[in-house]
Amino acid sequence: MPILTLYFKENILESYPLEKGQSLTIGRKGNNDISIENLAVSGHHAKIDAEGGGFILTDLQSKNGSFVNNKPVSTHWLQHGDSITIGKHHLIFTYGDEEERPKGLFQETAMDTDKPQDMLDQAISKLAVPKDDEKQRVGILSYVSGGEGEIRLTKKITKFGKRSSSDIVLGGFLMGQTAAAISRAPKGYSLSYVGGMTKPKVNGEVVKDSVNLKEFDIIELGSARFKFVTEK
């Protein structure tokens, strides 16, 4: 099956397999299949759909655009070796050596610009951390059960799941590779369900999409329970 490999500069961050019939979303919010913690990335930035034996990338009217091989696009049929630029990150789309690849030429819808790389560079250079974010009190998760200690929520996105690269690694047969995520924004913190059979709960209520976190909320995910507070 095709593979999407996520890079930041020259460093490989993670690889994502693409299966036939699968749709995959890319964005800054934690409920995306590929979550990219970068202010240049919109909450729901782009998606990839399996169509007719191939895979098509669609920009979801993102603020800073989606680029393939340094060319801004609104839709693009992905081909072996294509480099997708989302914010400051890159995703390389590849097929396996012996894997059958779709034949024929596909049309794409490109944005009207003569200087795509300049457009991307200018958009990124204008980004800045919101001033409110500097004054925001940092959230803290304190283990109630299933672990010990505290986790300071200083990142834009804190991931929970079975995957070893998760910020909080949790076990369990039904636990998703990335099961849930807490997003930090100037207005506060929110918890989102991402994937897997085990869904998070807040104060005993199952989170099916996302919920804003309040002081002293109890978060449950698998055998772990946390209390959410903000730093005084």
Protein backbone atom coordinates (compact mmCIF):
# COMPACT_ATOMS: atom_id res chain seq x y z
CA MET A 1 0.00 0.00 0.00
CA PRO A 2 1.16 3.61 -0.53
CA ILE A 3 2.95 5.37 2.31
CA LEU A 4 2.92 9.00 3.42
CA THR A 5 6.12 9.93 5.25
CA LEU A 6 6.02 13.10 7.35
CA TYR A 7 9.20 15.20 7.47
CA PHE A 8 10.23 18.31 9.33
CA LYS A 9 13.29 19.71 7.57
CA GLU A 10 15.37 16.56 6.98
CA ASN A 11 13.98 14.57 9.89
CA ILE A 12 11.41 11.79 9.48
CA LEU A 13 8.66 12.19 12.09
CA GLU A 14 6.24 9.39 11.18
CA SER A 15 4.92 7.21 8.35
CA TYR A 16 1.25 6.63 7.52
CA PRO A 17 -0.04 3.79 5.30
CA LEU A 18 -2.88 4.56 2.88
CA GLU A 19 -5.44 1.85 2.25
CA LYS A 20 -7.95 1.60 -0.57
CA GLY A 21 -11.29 3.09 0.45
CA GLN A 22 -9.64 5.15 3.17
CA SER A 23 -9.89 8.90 3.69
CA LEU A 24 -7.21 10.68 5.69
CA THR A 25 -7.31 14.21 7.10
CA ILE A 26 -4.37 16.53 7.76
CA GLY A 27 -4.43 19.54 10.07
CA ARG A 28 -3.38 21.18 13.31
CA LYS A 29 -6.30 19.87 15.41
CA GLY A 30 -5.79 16.64 17.29
CA ASN A 31 -8.76 14.89 15.69
CA ASN A 32 -7.00 14.69 12.31
CA ASP A 33 -5.44 11.44 11.10
CA ILE A 34 -2.20 13.37 10.62
CA SER A 35 -1.92 16.10 13.22
CA ILE A 36 0.79 18.71 12.56
CA GLU A 37 1.62 21.03 15.43
CA ASN A 38 2.48 24.19 13.52
CA LEU A 39 0.83 27.61 13.37
CA ALA A 40 1.13 27.60 9.56
CA VAL A 41 -1.31 24.66 9.46
CA SER A 42 -5.09 25.19 9.57
CA GLY A 43 -7.21 23.20 12.02
CA HIS A 44 -8.46 21.04 9.15
CA HIS A 45 -6.03 21.81 6.36
CA ALA A 46 -6.31 19.08 3.70
CA LYS A 47 -7.53 15.55 3.08
CA ILE A 48 -6.58 12.58 0.93
CA ASP A 49 -9.25 10.30 -0.53
CA ALA A 50 -8.91 6.95 -2.31
CA GLU A 51 -10.68 7.25 -5.67
CA GLY A 52 -10.70 4.92 -8.67
CA GLY A 53 -7.52 3.11 -7.75
CA GLY A 54 -5.62 6.31 -7.01
CA PHE A 55 -5.39 8.92 -4.26
CA ILE A 56 -6.42 12.55 -4.52
CA LEU A 57 -5.29 15.42 -2.28
CA THR A 58 -7.82 18.19 -1.62
CA ASP A 59 -7.04 21.48 0.11
CA LEU A 60 -9.82 22.30 2.60
CA GLN A 61 -9.74 26.04 1.92
CA SER A 62 -6.80 26.34 4.30
CA LYS A 63 -5.41 29.74 5.21
CA ASN A 64 -1.93 29.16 3.82
CA GLY A 65 -2.66 26.66 1.07
CA SER A 66 -1.44 23.17 0.15
CA PHE A 67 1.52 22.65 -2.16
CA VAL A 68 2.63 19.66 -4.25
CA ASN A 69 6.18 19.77 -5.59
CA ASN A 70 6.27 23.48 -4.62
CA LYS A 71 3.15 24.18 -6.68
CA PRO A 72 -0.02 25.43 -4.91
CA VAL A 73 -3.02 23.20 -5.62
CA SER A 74 -6.66 22.90 -4.63
CA THR A 75 -6.84 19.26 -5.81
CA HIS A 76 -4.11 16.93 -7.04
CA TRP A 77 -3.95 13.26 -8.02
CA LEU A 78 -0.96 11.94 -6.10
CA GLN A 79 1.84 10.18 -7.95
CA HIS A 80 4.88 8.29 -6.70
CA GLY A 81 7.44 10.66 -5.19
CA ASP A 82 5.14 13.68 -4.85
CA SER A 83 6.16 16.08 -2.08
CA ILE A 84 3.24 17.71 -0.25
CA THR A 85 4.00 20.88 1.72
CA ILE A 86 1.70 21.68 4.63
CA GLY A 87 2.97 24.66 6.62
CA LYS A 88 6.63 23.99 7.40
CA HIS A 89 6.28 20.20 7.08
CA HIS A 90 6.53 17.89 4.08
CA LEU A 91 4.75 14.62 3.29
CA ILE A 92 6.30 12.33 0.68
CA PHE A 93 3.86 10.02 -1.14
CA THR A 94 5.39 6.72 -2.32
CA TYR A 95 4.29 3.33 -3.61
CA GLY A 96 6.08 0.08 -2.77
CA ASP A 97 8.65 -1.19 -5.28
CA GLU A 98 6.41 -3.97 -6.57
CA GLU A 99 3.10 -2.26 -6.00
CA GLU A 100 0.78 -1.62 -8.91
CA ARG A 101 0.42 2.08 -9.67
CA PRO A 102 -2.56 3.72 -11.37
CA LYS A 103 -2.00 4.32 -15.09
CA GLY A 104 -2.89 7.39 -17.10
CA LEU A 105 -2.63 11.08 -16.50
CA PHE A 106 -4.80 12.83 -13.96
CA GLN A 107 -5.90 16.44 -14.03
CA GLU A 108 -5.28 18.73 -11.14
CA THR A 109 -6.68 22.08 -10.13
CA ALA A 110 -3.92 24.54 -9.37
CA MET A 111 -4.09 27.97 -7.79
CA ASP A 112 -3.34 30.91 -10.09
CA THR A 113 0.15 32.11 -9.15
CA ASP A 114 3.51 32.41 -10.83
CA LYS A 115 5.52 32.28 -7.64
CA PRO A 116 4.24 29.40 -5.47
CA GLN A 117 7.36 29.13 -3.31
CA ASP A 118 7.38 32.88 -2.63
CA MET A 119 3.70 32.64 -1.69
CA LEU A 120 4.42 29.84 0.78
CA ASP A 121 7.44 31.59 2.30
CA GLN A 122 5.56 34.87 2.73
CA ALA A 123 2.58 33.17 4.37
CA ILE A 124 4.78 31.37 6.88
CA SER A 125 6.90 34.45 7.63
CA LYS A 126 3.79 36.42 8.64
CA LEU A 127 2.77 33.90 11.28
CA ALA A 128 3.27 34.77 14.93
CA VAL A 129 2.22 33.27 18.24
CA PRO A 130 -0.92 35.12 19.44
CA LYS A 131 -0.14 37.51 22.28
CA ASP A 132 -2.88 35.96 24.42
CA ASP A 133 -1.04 32.64 24.22
CA GLU A 134 1.93 34.11 26.06
CA LYS A 135 -0.29 35.03 29.01
CA GLN A 136 -2.30 31.83 29.09
CA ARG A 137 -1.99 29.73 32.21
CA VAL A 138 -0.48 26.33 31.48
CA GLY A 139 -2.72 23.31 31.91
CA ILE A 140 -1.61 20.37 34.03
CA LEU A 141 -2.76 16.76 34.04
CA SER A 142 -2.30 15.02 37.39
CA TYR A 143 -2.59 11.23 37.47
CA VAL A 144 -5.47 10.01 39.63
CA SER A 145 -4.87 6.37 38.70
CA GLY A 146 -2.93 4.39 36.12
CA GLY A 147 0.28 6.34 36.59
CA GLU A 148 2.16 8.83 38.70
CA GLY A 149 3.17 12.46 38.50
CA GLU A 150 2.02 15.39 36.40
CA ILE A 151 2.13 16.37 32.72
CA ARG A 152 2.40 20.07 31.87
CA LEU A 153 0.44 20.82 28.70
CA THR A 154 2.87 23.27 27.10
CA LYS A 155 2.60 21.89 23.54
CA LYS A 156 0.00 22.99 21.03
CA ILE A 157 -1.17 19.39 20.82
CA THR A 158 -0.62 16.64 23.39
CA LYS A 159 -1.34 13.15 22.05
CA PHE A 160 -2.56 10.06 23.95
CA GLY A 161 -2.34 6.58 22.50
CA LYS A 162 -0.62 3.27 21.96
CA ARG A 163 1.93 4.68 19.48
CA SER A 164 5.37 4.99 21.08
CA SER A 165 5.71 8.56 19.80
CA SER A 166 2.60 9.67 21.74
CA ASP A 167 3.18 12.25 24.45
CA ILE A 168 1.27 10.02 26.88
CA VAL A 169 1.66 6.34 25.95
CA LEU A 170 -1.28 4.15 27.06
CA GLY A 171 -1.76 0.41 26.73
CA GLY A 172 -4.79 -1.75 26.07
CA PHE A 173 -5.93 -3.98 23.22
CA LEU A 174 -8.64 -1.54 22.10
CA MET A 175 -6.54 1.60 22.56
CA GLY A 176 -5.97 3.53 19.33
CA GLN A 177 -2.49 4.32 18.03
CA THR A 178 -3.52 7.93 18.62
CA ALA A 179 -6.66 7.73 20.73
CA ALA A 180 -7.14 11.31 21.85
CA ALA A 181 -5.47 14.70 21.90
CA ILE A 182 -5.56 17.86 23.98
CA SER A 183 -5.23 21.08 21.99
CA ARG A 184 -3.94 24.29 23.50
CA ALA A 185 -5.32 27.60 22.20
CA PRO A 186 -5.43 31.17 23.54
CA LYS A 187 -8.99 30.60 24.79
CA GLY A 188 -8.16 27.41 26.67
CA TYR A 189 -7.75 23.67 26.28
CA SER A 190 -9.95 21.14 24.49
CA LEU A 191 -9.92 17.34 24.43
CA SER A 192 -10.70 15.53 21.16
CA TYR A 193 -11.38 11.88 20.39
CA VAL A 194 -9.11 10.78 17.53
CA GLY A 195 -9.48 7.04 16.94
CA GLY A 196 -9.64 3.51 18.28
CA MET A 197 -12.30 1.57 20.17
CA THR A 198 -11.44 3.16 23.50
CA LYS A 199 -12.96 6.64 23.71
CA PRO A 200 -12.02 9.25 26.31
CA LYS A 201 -14.43 10.35 29.00
CA VAL A 202 -14.67 13.67 30.80
CA ASN A 203 -16.45 13.55 34.16
CA GLY A 204 -17.92 10.19 33.18
CA GLU A 205 -19.31 11.37 29.82
CA VAL A 206 -17.98 9.80 26.61
CA VAL A 207 -16.30 12.30 24.27
CA LYS A 208 -17.44 11.52 20.72
CA ASP A 209 -15.90 14.60 19.10
CA SER A 210 -14.33 17.30 21.29
CA VAL A 211 -15.03 19.13 24.52
CA ASN A 212 -13.59 22.22 26.20
CA LEU A 213 -11.80 21.43 29.44
CA LYS A 214 -12.63 23.15 32.72
CA GLU A 215 -10.81 23.36 36.01
CA PHE A 216 -10.83 20.04 37.96
CA ASP A 217 -12.30 17.99 35.10
CA ILE A 218 -11.60 14.26 35.40
CA ILE A 219 -10.35 12.67 32.18
CA GLU A 220 -10.48 8.90 31.69
CA LEU A 221 -8.82 6.97 28.89
CA GLY A 222 -8.45 3.23 29.27
CA SER A 223 -7.09 2.46 32.73
CA ALA A 224 -5.67 5.97 33.20
CA ARG A 225 -7.47 8.79 34.99
CA PHE A 226 -6.27 12.38 35.18
CA LYS A 227 -7.38 15.59 36.85
CA PHE A 228 -7.12 18.73 34.73
CA VAL A 229 -6.07 21.96 36.44
CA THR A 230 -4.38 25.16 35.35
CA GLU A 231 -1.18 26.52 36.81
CA LYS A 232 -1.74 29.27 39.33
